[in-house]
Amino acid sequence: MQEVLTAVTYLVVWLVCGKVIGIESGLTKLLISLGAAVGVYVLMAVKGRREKNQEEE
């Protein structure tokens, strides 16, 4: 689930950068999209880790 959400985030942010914000540079769109996708991946990992720790207690 975590990987699917990361991939969807990447695509959505890429489209938002291109269509809504109007960023023309491919490198800029790539960096923003990858940053958002990695951020979502890390947030989901932290959330999962906290849930696992709460179950153990």
Protein backbone atom coordinates (compact mmCIF):
# COMPACT_ATOMS: atom_id res chain seq x y z
CA MET A 1 0.00 0.00 0.00
CA GLN A 2 2.83 2.34 0.89
CA GLU A 3 4.51 1.95 -2.49
CA VAL A 4 1.26 2.47 -4.40
CA LEU A 5 0.54 5.68 -2.51
CA THR A 6 4.07 6.88 -3.23
CA ALA A 7 3.70 6.23 -6.97
CA VAL A 8 0.32 7.97 -7.08
CA THR A 9 1.73 10.94 -5.19
CA TYR A 10 4.57 11.23 -7.69
CA LEU A 11 2.21 11.26 -10.66
CA VAL A 12 -0.28 13.67 -9.10
CA VAL A 13 2.41 16.15 -8.07
CA TRP A 14 4.00 15.90 -11.53
CA LEU A 15 0.66 16.77 -13.16
CA VAL A 16 -0.07 19.56 -10.70
CA CYS A 17 3.34 21.09 -11.35
CA GLY A 18 2.85 20.94 -15.09
CA LYS A 19 -0.81 21.85 -15.51
CA VAL A 20 -1.83 23.89 -12.46
CA ILE A 21 1.35 25.68 -11.44
CA GLY A 22 2.75 25.83 -14.97
CA ILE A 23 6.31 24.71 -14.32
CA GLU A 24 7.97 24.04 -17.66
CA SER A 25 11.30 22.65 -16.49
CA GLY A 26 11.38 18.87 -16.41
CA LEU A 27 14.16 18.82 -13.84
CA THR A 28 12.22 21.06 -11.48
CA LYS A 29 9.07 18.93 -11.84
CA LEU A 30 11.15 15.80 -11.26
CA LEU A 31 12.75 17.14 -8.08
CA ILE A 32 9.47 18.42 -6.64
CA SER A 33 7.64 15.18 -7.50
CA LEU A 34 10.34 12.94 -6.10
CA GLY A 35 10.56 15.05 -2.96
CA ALA A 36 6.83 14.76 -2.38
CA ALA A 37 6.86 11.00 -3.07
CA VAL A 38 9.77 10.39 -0.70
CA GLY A 39 8.07 12.56 1.92
CA VAL A 40 4.89 10.50 1.71
CA TYR A 41 6.91 7.27 1.88
CA VAL A 42 8.73 8.44 5.01
CA LEU A 43 5.52 9.65 6.68
CA MET A 44 3.83 6.31 6.03
CA ALA A 45 6.86 4.44 7.40
CA VAL A 46 6.87 6.54 10.58
CA LYS A 47 3.12 6.02 11.01
CA GLY A 48 3.50 2.26 10.57
CA ARG A 49 6.38 2.14 13.02
CA ARG A 50 4.36 4.03 15.66
CA GLU A 51 1.38 1.72 15.20
CA LYS A 52 3.63 -1.32 15.53
CA ASN A 53 5.18 0.05 18.73
CA GLN A 54 1.74 0.77 20.22
CA GLU A 55 0.59 -2.78 19.48
CA GLU A 56 3.62 -4.20 21.27
CA GLU A 57 2.95 -2.22 24.44
